[in-house]
N, C-alpha and C. Protein backbone atom coordinates (compact mmCIF):
# COMPACT_ATOMS: atom_id res chain seq x y z
N UNK A 1 0.85 -1.20 0.00
CA UNK A 1 0.00 0.00 0.00
C UNK A 1 0.88 1.25 0.00
N UNK A 2 0.61 2.16 -0.90
CA UNK A 2 1.37 3.40 -0.95
C UNK A 2 0.86 4.39 0.09
N UNK A 3 1.76 5.24 0.53
CA UNK A 3 1.46 6.22 1.56
C UNK A 3 1.50 7.63 0.99
N UNK A 4 0.46 8.40 1.27
CA UNK A 4 0.42 9.82 0.89
C UNK A 4 0.29 10.65 2.15
N UNK A 5 1.32 11.43 2.46
CA UNK A 5 1.28 12.34 3.60
C UNK A 5 0.95 13.74 3.13
N UNK A 6 0.20 14.46 3.96
CA UNK A 6 -0.21 15.82 3.62
C UNK A 6 0.06 16.75 4.80
N UNK A 7 0.48 17.96 4.47
CA UNK A 7 0.50 19.05 5.44
C UNK A 7 -0.95 19.42 5.74
N UNK A 8 -1.19 20.03 6.90
CA UNK A 8 -2.56 20.41 7.26
C UNK A 8 -2.85 21.87 6.91
N UNK A 9 -2.24 22.81 7.62
CA UNK A 9 -2.55 24.22 7.45
C UNK A 9 -2.03 24.76 6.12
N UNK A 10 -2.91 25.34 5.35
CA UNK A 10 -2.52 25.90 4.06
C UNK A 10 -2.50 24.89 2.94
N UNK A 11 -2.72 23.62 3.29
CA UNK A 11 -2.74 22.56 2.28
C UNK A 11 -4.11 21.88 2.27
N UNK A 12 -4.46 21.22 3.35
CA UNK A 12 -5.77 20.58 3.43
C UNK A 12 -6.84 21.53 3.96
N UNK A 13 -6.47 22.43 4.86
CA UNK A 13 -7.44 23.37 5.43
C UNK A 13 -6.93 24.80 5.29
N UNK A 14 -7.88 25.74 5.34
CA UNK A 14 -7.56 27.16 5.22
C UNK A 14 -7.40 27.73 6.63
N UNK A 15 -6.18 27.71 7.14
CA UNK A 15 -5.95 28.24 8.48
C UNK A 15 -6.06 29.75 8.52
N UNK A 16 -5.65 30.41 7.45
CA UNK A 16 -5.58 31.88 7.46
C UNK A 16 -6.93 32.52 7.77
N UNK A 17 -7.96 32.10 7.08
CA UNK A 17 -9.29 32.67 7.30
C UNK A 17 -9.81 32.30 8.68
N UNK A 18 -9.59 31.05 9.09
CA UNK A 18 -10.05 30.60 10.40
C UNK A 18 -9.34 31.36 11.50
N UNK A 19 -8.06 31.63 11.32
CA UNK A 19 -7.27 32.34 12.31
C UNK A 19 -7.84 33.73 12.56
N UNK A 20 -8.14 34.45 11.49
CA UNK A 20 -8.68 35.80 11.63
C UNK A 20 -9.99 35.78 12.42
N UNK A 21 -10.87 34.82 12.11
CA UNK A 21 -12.15 34.72 12.81
C UNK A 21 -11.96 34.33 14.27
N UNK A 22 -11.04 33.40 14.54
CA UNK A 22 -10.83 32.92 15.91
C UNK A 22 -10.29 34.03 16.79
N UNK A 23 -9.33 34.80 16.28
CA UNK A 23 -8.78 35.90 17.07
C UNK A 23 -9.83 36.97 17.33
N UNK A 24 -10.60 37.30 16.30
CA UNK A 24 -11.65 38.32 16.47
C UNK A 24 -12.66 37.89 17.52
N UNK A 25 -13.06 36.62 17.50
CA UNK A 25 -14.02 36.13 18.49
C UNK A 25 -13.45 36.13 19.90
N UNK A 26 -12.19 35.68 20.04
CA UNK A 26 -11.57 35.63 21.36
C UNK A 26 -11.44 37.03 21.95
N UNK A 27 -11.01 37.97 21.13
CA UNK A 27 -10.84 39.35 21.60
C UNK A 27 -12.17 39.95 22.00
N UNK A 28 -13.18 39.73 21.18
CA UNK A 28 -14.51 40.27 21.48
C UNK A 28 -15.08 39.67 22.76
N UNK A 29 -14.97 38.34 22.90
CA UNK A 29 -15.56 37.66 24.05
C UNK A 29 -14.92 38.07 25.37
N UNK A 30 -13.65 38.44 25.34
CA UNK A 30 -12.95 38.79 26.57
C UNK A 30 -12.76 40.29 26.75
N UNK A 31 -13.31 41.07 25.84
CA UNK A 31 -13.26 42.52 25.97
C UNK A 31 -11.88 43.11 25.83
N UNK A 32 -11.03 42.46 25.05
CA UNK A 32 -9.67 42.98 24.86
C UNK A 32 -9.68 44.11 23.82
N UNK A 33 -8.72 45.00 23.94
CA UNK A 33 -8.62 46.13 23.03
C UNK A 33 -7.79 45.82 21.80
N UNK A 34 -7.64 46.81 20.92
CA UNK A 34 -6.93 46.60 19.65
C UNK A 34 -5.45 46.26 19.83
N UNK A 35 -4.83 46.72 20.92
CA UNK A 35 -3.40 46.43 21.11
C UNK A 35 -3.19 44.93 21.32
N UNK A 36 -4.02 44.33 22.15
CA UNK A 36 -3.92 42.88 22.37
C UNK A 36 -4.27 42.12 21.09
N UNK A 37 -5.26 42.61 20.37
CA UNK A 37 -5.63 41.94 19.13
C UNK A 37 -4.47 41.96 18.14
N UNK A 38 -3.81 43.10 18.00
CA UNK A 38 -2.66 43.18 17.09
C UNK A 38 -1.55 42.23 17.54
N UNK A 39 -1.30 42.17 18.84
CA UNK A 39 -0.26 41.29 19.37
C UNK A 39 -0.57 39.83 19.05
N UNK A 40 -1.81 39.42 19.29
CA UNK A 40 -2.21 38.04 19.01
C UNK A 40 -2.08 37.72 17.52
N UNK A 41 -2.51 38.63 16.67
CA UNK A 41 -2.43 38.39 15.23
C UNK A 41 -0.99 38.24 14.77
N UNK A 42 -0.08 38.96 15.41
CA UNK A 42 1.34 38.88 15.05
C UNK A 42 1.99 37.64 15.63
N UNK A 43 1.80 37.40 16.90
CA UNK A 43 2.50 36.33 17.59
C UNK A 43 1.99 34.94 17.23
N UNK A 44 0.72 34.83 16.88
CA UNK A 44 0.12 33.54 16.57
C UNK A 44 -0.04 33.33 15.06
N UNK A 45 0.55 34.19 14.26
CA UNK A 45 0.29 34.18 12.82
C UNK A 45 0.67 32.86 12.16
N UNK A 46 1.81 32.32 12.52
CA UNK A 46 2.28 31.10 11.85
C UNK A 46 1.93 29.83 12.62
N UNK A 47 2.04 29.88 13.93
CA UNK A 47 1.73 28.72 14.76
C UNK A 47 1.40 29.22 16.16
N UNK A 48 0.71 28.39 16.93
CA UNK A 48 0.27 28.82 18.25
C UNK A 48 0.29 27.64 19.21
N UNK A 49 0.56 27.95 20.47
CA UNK A 49 0.43 26.94 21.52
C UNK A 49 0.12 27.64 22.84
N UNK A 50 -0.03 26.88 23.89
CA UNK A 50 -0.43 27.42 25.18
C UNK A 50 0.54 28.48 25.68
N UNK A 51 1.83 28.32 25.39
CA UNK A 51 2.82 29.25 25.90
C UNK A 51 2.63 30.66 25.35
N UNK A 52 1.99 30.79 24.21
CA UNK A 52 1.70 32.12 23.68
C UNK A 52 0.79 32.89 24.63
N UNK A 53 -0.13 32.20 25.26
CA UNK A 53 -1.06 32.87 26.17
C UNK A 53 -0.44 33.11 27.54
N UNK A 54 0.58 32.32 27.88
CA UNK A 54 1.39 32.65 29.06
C UNK A 54 2.10 33.97 28.82
N UNK A 55 2.67 34.13 27.63
CA UNK A 55 3.36 35.37 27.29
C UNK A 55 2.38 36.54 27.21
N UNK A 56 1.16 36.27 26.76
CA UNK A 56 0.14 37.33 26.70
C UNK A 56 -0.10 37.89 28.10
N UNK A 57 -0.23 37.01 29.08
CA UNK A 57 -0.45 37.48 30.44
C UNK A 57 0.75 38.26 30.97
N UNK A 58 1.95 37.79 30.62
CA UNK A 58 3.16 38.48 31.07
C UNK A 58 3.28 39.87 30.46
N UNK A 59 2.91 40.00 29.19
CA UNK A 59 3.07 41.28 28.48
C UNK A 59 1.99 42.28 28.86
N UNK A 60 0.73 41.79 28.95
CA UNK A 60 -0.39 42.72 29.14
C UNK A 60 -1.06 42.60 30.51
N UNK A 61 -0.67 41.61 31.30
CA UNK A 61 -1.26 41.47 32.62
C UNK A 61 -2.72 41.08 32.62
N UNK A 62 -3.18 40.36 31.59
CA UNK A 62 -4.58 39.93 31.56
C UNK A 62 -4.85 38.97 32.71
N UNK A 63 -6.08 38.97 33.20
CA UNK A 63 -6.40 38.17 34.38
C UNK A 63 -6.77 36.73 34.09
N UNK A 64 -7.13 36.43 32.85
CA UNK A 64 -7.59 35.08 32.53
C UNK A 64 -6.44 34.07 32.57
N UNK A 65 -6.74 32.87 32.98
CA UNK A 65 -5.76 31.79 33.01
C UNK A 65 -5.32 31.44 31.60
N UNK A 66 -4.00 31.31 31.35
CA UNK A 66 -3.52 30.98 30.01
C UNK A 66 -4.10 29.67 29.48
N UNK A 67 -4.27 28.69 30.35
CA UNK A 67 -4.86 27.43 29.93
C UNK A 67 -6.28 27.62 29.43
N UNK A 68 -7.04 28.47 30.11
CA UNK A 68 -8.41 28.76 29.67
C UNK A 68 -8.41 29.45 28.31
N UNK A 69 -7.54 30.45 28.14
CA UNK A 69 -7.48 31.17 26.88
C UNK A 69 -7.06 30.25 25.74
N UNK A 70 -6.14 29.35 26.02
CA UNK A 70 -5.71 28.40 24.99
C UNK A 70 -6.87 27.50 24.58
N UNK A 71 -7.63 27.01 25.55
CA UNK A 71 -8.77 26.14 25.22
C UNK A 71 -9.82 26.91 24.42
N UNK A 72 -10.04 28.17 24.76
CA UNK A 72 -10.98 29.00 23.99
C UNK A 72 -10.48 29.15 22.56
N UNK A 73 -9.20 29.42 22.42
CA UNK A 73 -8.64 29.59 21.08
C UNK A 73 -8.76 28.31 20.26
N UNK A 74 -8.46 27.17 20.87
CA UNK A 74 -8.60 25.89 20.18
C UNK A 74 -10.04 25.69 19.71
N UNK A 75 -10.98 25.97 20.60
CA UNK A 75 -12.40 25.81 20.24
C UNK A 75 -12.80 26.75 19.11
N UNK A 76 -12.34 27.99 19.18
CA UNK A 76 -12.68 28.96 18.14
C UNK A 76 -12.08 28.55 16.79
N UNK A 77 -10.84 28.07 16.80
CA UNK A 77 -10.21 27.63 15.56
C UNK A 77 -10.94 26.43 14.98
N UNK A 78 -11.30 25.48 15.82
CA UNK A 78 -12.01 24.29 15.34
C UNK A 78 -13.36 24.67 14.74
N UNK A 79 -14.00 25.68 15.32
CA UNK A 79 -15.30 26.11 14.81
C UNK A 79 -15.17 26.87 13.49
N UNK A 80 -14.04 27.57 13.32
CA UNK A 80 -13.89 28.43 12.16
C UNK A 80 -13.24 27.75 10.96
N UNK A 81 -12.41 26.73 11.21
CA UNK A 81 -11.64 26.14 10.12
C UNK A 81 -12.53 25.29 9.22
N UNK A 82 -12.14 25.18 7.97
CA UNK A 82 -12.94 24.42 7.02
C UNK A 82 -12.05 23.65 6.05
N UNK A 83 -12.58 22.57 5.53
CA UNK A 83 -11.93 21.81 4.47
C UNK A 83 -12.94 21.70 3.33
N UNK A 84 -12.57 22.13 2.16
CA UNK A 84 -13.51 22.16 1.04
C UNK A 84 -14.00 20.76 0.70
N UNK A 85 -15.27 20.62 0.33
CA UNK A 85 -15.80 19.31 -0.06
C UNK A 85 -14.98 18.64 -1.15
N UNK A 86 -14.44 19.43 -2.09
CA UNK A 86 -13.63 18.84 -3.17
C UNK A 86 -12.38 18.17 -2.62
N UNK A 87 -11.81 18.73 -1.56
CA UNK A 87 -10.63 18.12 -0.94
C UNK A 87 -11.02 16.82 -0.25
N UNK A 88 -12.12 16.84 0.49
CA UNK A 88 -12.58 15.61 1.15
C UNK A 88 -12.88 14.53 0.13
N UNK A 89 -13.52 14.91 -0.97
CA UNK A 89 -13.85 13.93 -2.01
C UNK A 89 -12.58 13.35 -2.64
N UNK A 90 -11.58 14.19 -2.84
CA UNK A 90 -10.35 13.71 -3.47
C UNK A 90 -9.62 12.74 -2.56
N UNK A 91 -9.61 13.01 -1.26
CA UNK A 91 -8.97 12.09 -0.32
C UNK A 91 -9.73 10.77 -0.24
N UNK A 92 -11.06 10.85 -0.31
CA UNK A 92 -11.86 9.63 -0.32
C UNK A 92 -11.52 8.78 -1.55
N UNK A 93 -11.34 9.43 -2.69
CA UNK A 93 -10.97 8.70 -3.91
C UNK A 93 -9.59 8.07 -3.77
N UNK A 94 -8.69 8.77 -3.11
CA UNK A 94 -7.34 8.25 -2.89
C UNK A 94 -7.37 7.00 -2.03
N UNK A 95 -8.18 7.03 -0.98
CA UNK A 95 -8.30 5.86 -0.12
C UNK A 95 -8.97 4.70 -0.85
N UNK A 96 -9.95 5.02 -1.66
CA UNK A 96 -10.63 3.97 -2.43
C UNK A 96 -9.67 3.30 -3.41
N UNK A 97 -8.66 4.05 -3.83
CA UNK A 97 -7.67 3.51 -4.76
C UNK A 97 -6.59 2.70 -4.04
N UNK A 98 -6.72 2.59 -2.71
CA UNK A 98 -5.80 1.74 -1.96
C UNK A 98 -4.65 2.45 -1.28
N UNK A 99 -4.67 3.79 -1.28
CA UNK A 99 -3.62 4.54 -0.62
C UNK A 99 -3.90 4.66 0.88
N UNK A 100 -2.86 4.74 1.66
CA UNK A 100 -2.94 5.12 3.06
C UNK A 100 -2.70 6.62 3.13
N UNK A 101 -3.51 7.33 3.90
CA UNK A 101 -3.47 8.79 3.95
C UNK A 101 -3.08 9.24 5.36
N UNK A 102 -2.05 10.07 5.44
CA UNK A 102 -1.61 10.58 6.73
C UNK A 102 -1.40 12.08 6.71
N UNK A 103 -1.35 12.67 7.90
CA UNK A 103 -1.09 14.09 8.06
C UNK A 103 0.19 14.27 8.86
N UNK A 104 1.11 15.09 8.33
CA UNK A 104 2.33 15.47 9.03
C UNK A 104 2.30 16.98 9.17
N UNK A 105 2.13 17.47 10.39
CA UNK A 105 1.89 18.89 10.58
C UNK A 105 2.69 19.46 11.74
N UNK A 106 3.17 20.66 11.59
CA UNK A 106 3.73 21.38 12.71
C UNK A 106 2.59 22.02 13.49
N UNK A 107 2.71 22.05 14.79
CA UNK A 107 1.66 22.65 15.61
C UNK A 107 1.37 21.82 16.84
N UNK A 108 0.69 22.45 17.79
CA UNK A 108 0.32 21.77 19.03
C UNK A 108 -0.65 20.63 18.72
N UNK A 109 -0.49 19.53 19.43
CA UNK A 109 -1.27 18.33 19.15
C UNK A 109 -2.77 18.57 19.26
N UNK A 110 -3.20 19.24 20.34
CA UNK A 110 -4.63 19.37 20.58
C UNK A 110 -5.32 20.22 19.53
N UNK A 111 -4.68 21.32 19.12
CA UNK A 111 -5.35 22.18 18.15
C UNK A 111 -5.36 21.55 16.76
N UNK A 112 -4.27 20.86 16.38
CA UNK A 112 -4.25 20.24 15.06
C UNK A 112 -5.27 19.12 14.97
N UNK A 113 -5.38 18.33 16.01
CA UNK A 113 -6.38 17.25 16.00
C UNK A 113 -7.81 17.79 16.06
N UNK A 114 -7.99 18.92 16.73
CA UNK A 114 -9.31 19.54 16.76
C UNK A 114 -9.72 19.98 15.36
N UNK A 115 -8.77 20.51 14.60
CA UNK A 115 -9.07 20.91 13.22
C UNK A 115 -9.43 19.70 12.36
N UNK A 116 -8.65 18.64 12.51
CA UNK A 116 -8.92 17.42 11.73
C UNK A 116 -10.30 16.87 12.05
N UNK A 117 -10.65 16.86 13.33
CA UNK A 117 -11.96 16.33 13.74
C UNK A 117 -13.10 17.22 13.25
N UNK A 118 -12.90 18.54 13.32
CA UNK A 118 -13.98 19.48 12.99
C UNK A 118 -14.28 19.55 11.51
N UNK A 119 -13.31 19.22 10.67
CA UNK A 119 -13.46 19.40 9.22
C UNK A 119 -13.90 18.14 8.49
N UNK A 120 -14.02 17.02 9.20
CA UNK A 120 -14.38 15.77 8.55
C UNK A 120 -13.18 14.99 8.03
N UNK A 121 -11.99 15.52 8.23
CA UNK A 121 -10.79 14.83 7.77
C UNK A 121 -10.51 13.56 8.57
N UNK A 122 -10.97 13.54 9.82
CA UNK A 122 -10.66 12.39 10.68
C UNK A 122 -11.16 11.08 10.08
N UNK A 123 -12.25 11.13 9.35
CA UNK A 123 -12.81 9.92 8.75
C UNK A 123 -11.99 9.42 7.56
N UNK A 124 -11.10 10.28 7.06
CA UNK A 124 -10.35 9.95 5.85
C UNK A 124 -8.86 9.76 6.09
N UNK A 125 -8.42 10.07 7.29
CA UNK A 125 -6.99 10.03 7.60
C UNK A 125 -6.68 8.82 8.46
N UNK A 126 -5.64 8.10 8.07
CA UNK A 126 -5.25 6.89 8.80
C UNK A 126 -4.36 7.19 10.00
N UNK A 127 -3.65 8.31 9.97
CA UNK A 127 -2.77 8.66 11.07
C UNK A 127 -2.34 10.11 11.01
N UNK A 128 -2.10 10.69 12.19
CA UNK A 128 -1.70 12.09 12.29
C UNK A 128 -0.45 12.18 13.16
N UNK A 129 0.52 12.96 12.70
CA UNK A 129 1.69 13.29 13.50
C UNK A 129 1.80 14.80 13.57
N UNK A 130 1.69 15.36 14.77
CA UNK A 130 1.86 16.79 14.98
C UNK A 130 3.17 17.01 15.72
N UNK A 131 3.81 18.15 15.44
CA UNK A 131 5.11 18.39 16.05
C UNK A 131 5.03 18.41 17.57
N UNK A 132 3.86 18.79 18.08
CA UNK A 132 3.69 18.79 19.53
C UNK A 132 3.69 17.41 20.15
N UNK A 133 3.53 16.37 19.34
CA UNK A 133 3.52 15.01 19.87
C UNK A 133 4.87 14.62 20.46
N UNK A 134 5.94 15.02 19.75
CA UNK A 134 7.29 14.58 20.16
C UNK A 134 8.27 15.75 20.21
N UNK A 135 7.75 16.97 20.16
CA UNK A 135 8.59 18.17 20.20
C UNK A 135 9.64 18.16 19.09
N UNK A 136 9.23 17.69 17.92
CA UNK A 136 10.06 17.68 16.72
C UNK A 136 9.25 18.30 15.60
N UNK A 137 9.84 19.23 14.86
CA UNK A 137 9.12 19.94 13.83
C UNK A 137 9.65 19.59 12.44
N UNK A 138 8.77 19.60 11.44
CA UNK A 138 9.25 19.55 10.07
C UNK A 138 10.20 20.73 9.86
N UNK A 139 11.29 20.55 9.17
CA UNK A 139 11.62 19.47 8.23
C UNK A 139 12.33 18.25 8.83
N UNK A 140 12.36 18.11 10.13
CA UNK A 140 13.02 16.95 10.75
C UNK A 140 12.38 15.66 10.22
N UNK A 141 13.17 14.74 9.68
CA UNK A 141 12.61 13.49 9.11
C UNK A 141 11.81 12.68 10.12
N UNK A 142 12.10 12.85 11.40
CA UNK A 142 11.41 12.05 12.40
C UNK A 142 9.90 12.30 12.44
N UNK A 143 9.48 13.50 12.06
CA UNK A 143 8.04 13.75 12.06
C UNK A 143 7.36 13.00 10.92
N UNK A 144 8.01 12.91 9.77
CA UNK A 144 7.46 12.14 8.65
C UNK A 144 7.45 10.64 9.00
N UNK A 145 8.49 10.19 9.68
CA UNK A 145 8.55 8.79 10.10
C UNK A 145 7.44 8.48 11.09
N UNK A 146 7.18 9.42 12.01
CA UNK A 146 6.10 9.22 12.97
C UNK A 146 4.74 9.18 12.27
N UNK A 147 4.55 10.04 11.28
CA UNK A 147 3.29 10.04 10.53
C UNK A 147 3.06 8.70 9.85
N UNK A 148 4.12 8.15 9.26
CA UNK A 148 4.00 6.83 8.63
C UNK A 148 3.66 5.77 9.66
N UNK A 149 4.32 5.83 10.80
CA UNK A 149 4.05 4.85 11.86
C UNK A 149 2.61 4.95 12.35
N UNK A 150 2.10 6.17 12.45
CA UNK A 150 0.71 6.36 12.89
C UNK A 150 -0.27 5.79 11.86
N UNK A 151 0.19 5.68 10.63
CA UNK A 151 -0.63 5.07 9.57
C UNK A 151 -0.43 3.55 9.51
N UNK A 152 0.38 3.03 10.42
CA UNK A 152 0.61 1.59 10.46
C UNK A 152 1.61 1.08 9.47
N UNK A 153 2.52 1.97 9.03
CA UNK A 153 3.51 1.56 8.04
C UNK A 153 4.82 2.28 8.32
N UNK A 154 5.74 2.23 7.38
CA UNK A 154 6.98 2.98 7.46
C UNK A 154 7.28 3.59 6.11
N UNK A 155 8.10 4.63 6.11
CA UNK A 155 8.41 5.30 4.86
C UNK A 155 9.14 4.35 3.91
N UNK A 156 8.73 4.40 2.63
CA UNK A 156 9.36 3.53 1.64
C UNK A 156 9.29 4.20 0.28
N UNK A 157 10.02 3.64 -0.68
CA UNK A 157 10.02 4.18 -2.04
C UNK A 157 8.60 4.20 -2.59
N UNK A 158 8.24 5.28 -3.27
CA UNK A 158 6.90 5.39 -3.82
C UNK A 158 5.93 6.14 -2.93
N UNK A 159 6.38 6.57 -1.73
CA UNK A 159 5.54 7.36 -0.85
C UNK A 159 5.71 8.84 -1.17
N UNK A 160 4.69 9.64 -0.82
CA UNK A 160 4.67 11.05 -1.22
C UNK A 160 4.34 11.96 -0.04
N UNK A 161 4.84 13.20 -0.14
CA UNK A 161 4.48 14.28 0.78
C UNK A 161 3.99 15.45 -0.03
N UNK A 162 2.84 16.02 0.37
CA UNK A 162 2.27 17.19 -0.30
C UNK A 162 2.11 18.32 0.70
N UNK A 163 2.58 19.52 0.35
CA UNK A 163 2.42 20.66 1.23
C UNK A 163 2.71 21.96 0.55
N UNK A 164 2.46 23.06 1.27
CA UNK A 164 2.63 24.40 0.68
C UNK A 164 3.92 25.08 1.10
N UNK A 165 4.63 24.52 2.08
CA UNK A 165 5.84 25.17 2.57
C UNK A 165 7.08 24.56 1.92
N UNK A 166 7.85 25.35 1.15
CA UNK A 166 9.00 24.78 0.45
C UNK A 166 10.02 24.13 1.37
N UNK A 167 10.33 24.78 2.52
CA UNK A 167 11.37 24.26 3.40
C UNK A 167 10.88 23.08 4.24
N UNK A 168 9.76 23.27 4.91
CA UNK A 168 9.33 22.23 5.86
C UNK A 168 8.70 21.03 5.17
N UNK A 169 7.87 21.28 4.17
CA UNK A 169 7.15 20.19 3.52
C UNK A 169 7.94 19.55 2.38
N UNK A 170 8.47 20.38 1.50
CA UNK A 170 9.11 19.85 0.29
C UNK A 170 10.55 19.42 0.56
N UNK A 171 11.37 20.33 1.05
CA UNK A 171 12.74 19.94 1.38
C UNK A 171 12.76 18.90 2.48
N UNK A 172 11.88 19.06 3.47
CA UNK A 172 11.82 18.10 4.56
C UNK A 172 11.37 16.73 4.09
N UNK A 173 10.33 16.70 3.28
CA UNK A 173 9.84 15.42 2.76
C UNK A 173 10.86 14.74 1.88
N UNK A 174 11.52 15.52 1.04
CA UNK A 174 12.54 14.95 0.17
C UNK A 174 13.70 14.36 0.99
N UNK A 175 14.12 15.08 2.03
CA UNK A 175 15.20 14.59 2.89
C UNK A 175 14.81 13.30 3.60
N UNK A 176 13.51 13.12 3.82
CA UNK A 176 13.03 11.90 4.47
C UNK A 176 12.85 10.75 3.48
N UNK A 177 13.17 11.00 2.20
CA UNK A 177 13.09 9.97 1.19
C UNK A 177 11.78 9.92 0.44
N UNK A 178 10.93 10.94 0.64
CA UNK A 178 9.63 10.99 -0.02
C UNK A 178 9.71 11.76 -1.33
N UNK A 179 8.85 11.41 -2.28
CA UNK A 179 8.59 12.27 -3.42
C UNK A 179 7.71 13.42 -2.92
N UNK A 180 7.90 14.60 -3.47
CA UNK A 180 7.23 15.77 -2.90
C UNK A 180 6.44 16.55 -3.94
N UNK A 181 5.24 16.96 -3.55
CA UNK A 181 4.40 17.81 -4.38
C UNK A 181 4.21 19.13 -3.67
N UNK A 182 4.55 20.21 -4.34
CA UNK A 182 4.40 21.54 -3.78
C UNK A 182 3.10 22.17 -4.23
N UNK A 183 2.31 22.65 -3.26
CA UNK A 183 1.10 23.42 -3.55
C UNK A 183 1.51 24.89 -3.56
N UNK A 184 1.51 25.50 -4.74
CA UNK A 184 2.00 26.88 -4.88
C UNK A 184 1.26 27.83 -3.95
N UNK A 185 1.95 28.91 -3.60
CA UNK A 185 1.37 29.95 -2.78
C UNK A 185 2.46 30.84 -2.22
N UNK A 186 3.42 30.23 -1.54
CA UNK A 186 4.57 30.97 -1.02
C UNK A 186 5.63 31.09 -2.12
N UNK A 187 6.51 32.08 -2.02
CA UNK A 187 7.62 32.16 -2.97
C UNK A 187 8.55 30.97 -2.81
N UNK A 188 9.11 30.50 -3.92
CA UNK A 188 10.06 29.38 -3.86
C UNK A 188 11.46 29.94 -3.60
N UNK A 189 12.12 29.50 -2.52
CA UNK A 189 13.44 30.06 -2.17
C UNK A 189 14.51 29.71 -3.20
N UNK A 190 15.41 30.64 -3.42
CA UNK A 190 16.55 30.39 -4.30
C UNK A 190 17.43 29.29 -3.71
N UNK A 191 17.90 28.41 -4.56
CA UNK A 191 18.83 27.38 -4.13
C UNK A 191 18.19 26.13 -3.59
N UNK A 192 16.88 26.12 -3.42
CA UNK A 192 16.21 24.93 -2.89
C UNK A 192 15.91 23.97 -4.04
N UNK A 193 16.16 22.70 -3.82
CA UNK A 193 15.91 21.70 -4.85
C UNK A 193 14.44 21.69 -5.26
N UNK A 194 14.18 21.61 -6.53
CA UNK A 194 12.81 21.66 -7.04
C UNK A 194 12.00 20.46 -6.58
N UNK A 195 10.69 20.63 -6.39
CA UNK A 195 9.84 19.50 -6.02
C UNK A 195 9.69 18.54 -7.19
N UNK A 196 9.19 17.35 -6.89
CA UNK A 196 8.95 16.37 -7.96
C UNK A 196 7.77 16.79 -8.84
N UNK A 197 6.84 17.54 -8.25
CA UNK A 197 5.66 17.99 -9.00
C UNK A 197 5.13 19.24 -8.32
N UNK A 198 4.50 20.12 -9.09
CA UNK A 198 3.95 21.37 -8.58
C UNK A 198 2.51 21.53 -9.03
N UNK A 199 1.64 21.98 -8.11
CA UNK A 199 0.23 22.15 -8.41
C UNK A 199 -0.25 23.47 -7.81
N UNK A 200 -1.44 23.86 -8.20
CA UNK A 200 -2.06 25.07 -7.63
C UNK A 200 -3.06 24.74 -6.54
N UNK A 201 -3.42 23.48 -6.42
CA UNK A 201 -4.44 23.09 -5.44
C UNK A 201 -4.18 21.64 -5.02
N UNK A 202 -4.50 21.34 -3.77
CA UNK A 202 -4.23 20.00 -3.26
C UNK A 202 -5.02 18.93 -4.01
N UNK A 203 -6.18 19.29 -4.56
CA UNK A 203 -6.94 18.30 -5.33
C UNK A 203 -6.17 17.88 -6.58
N UNK A 204 -5.40 18.81 -7.16
CA UNK A 204 -4.56 18.46 -8.31
C UNK A 204 -3.45 17.51 -7.88
N UNK A 205 -2.95 17.69 -6.66
CA UNK A 205 -1.92 16.79 -6.15
C UNK A 205 -2.47 15.36 -6.03
N UNK A 206 -3.69 15.24 -5.53
CA UNK A 206 -4.30 13.92 -5.42
C UNK A 206 -4.50 13.32 -6.80
N UNK A 207 -4.91 14.14 -7.76
CA UNK A 207 -5.05 13.64 -9.13
C UNK A 207 -3.75 13.12 -9.67
N UNK A 208 -2.66 13.81 -9.35
CA UNK A 208 -1.34 13.34 -9.79
C UNK A 208 -0.99 12.00 -9.13
N UNK A 209 -1.29 11.85 -7.87
CA UNK A 209 -1.01 10.59 -7.18
C UNK A 209 -1.81 9.45 -7.79
N UNK A 210 -3.06 9.71 -8.07
CA UNK A 210 -3.89 8.64 -8.68
C UNK A 210 -3.38 8.27 -10.05
N UNK A 211 -2.95 9.25 -10.83
CA UNK A 211 -2.40 8.95 -12.16
C UNK A 211 -1.06 8.24 -12.03
N UNK A 212 -0.26 8.68 -11.07
CA UNK A 212 1.05 8.08 -10.88
C UNK A 212 0.93 6.62 -10.48
N UNK A 213 -0.07 6.30 -9.70
CA UNK A 213 -0.25 4.91 -9.25
C UNK A 213 -0.60 3.98 -10.41
N UNK A 214 -1.13 4.56 -11.48
CA UNK A 214 -1.54 3.73 -12.61
C UNK A 214 -0.43 3.58 -13.65
N UNK A 215 0.71 4.27 -13.42
CA UNK A 215 1.79 4.20 -14.40
C UNK A 215 2.47 2.84 -14.37
């Protein structure tokens, strides 16, 4: 059985739009002003965990418990994040074709799994590895190896990684021995080895995998 690993944020789900809604809701619900909102939007822009809210209390002296604020943020993100039906359908087709589907993502374990559960991806994914599970982040090969293990297998020739981040997903996946598909969006860094395939949307990546399996 071939293995297809996918990045989560910016690849399978739209974190950017969900992030804006989650921050706006959290700020409104707790009566925070624009200064705190700007800080949260900056500090949590790429990734977030409980320690960010510890720092929020240290910087602004807010009275709420950081653990409580983190749980609120996780809930708001899970409520706001979405996965397009076309993406879910493409993953279902991939599984029907005999592929094992996994997620390799940077981020805190609880929030990444909340997104997977809220979007319907949980029914289509065989295993998830988040950097918070073992305190190892992509591009470290160990996170890709953990994702394979969570899918009940190990990395082997013919396995693929799909993501939007050139360094963490593409260079990282390639270093782990995977073929890599880049979902365009970010600028491609100079000097970085080209991906095996490039697409504009993750559904095109799945189409490539299905065609590749028939070669």
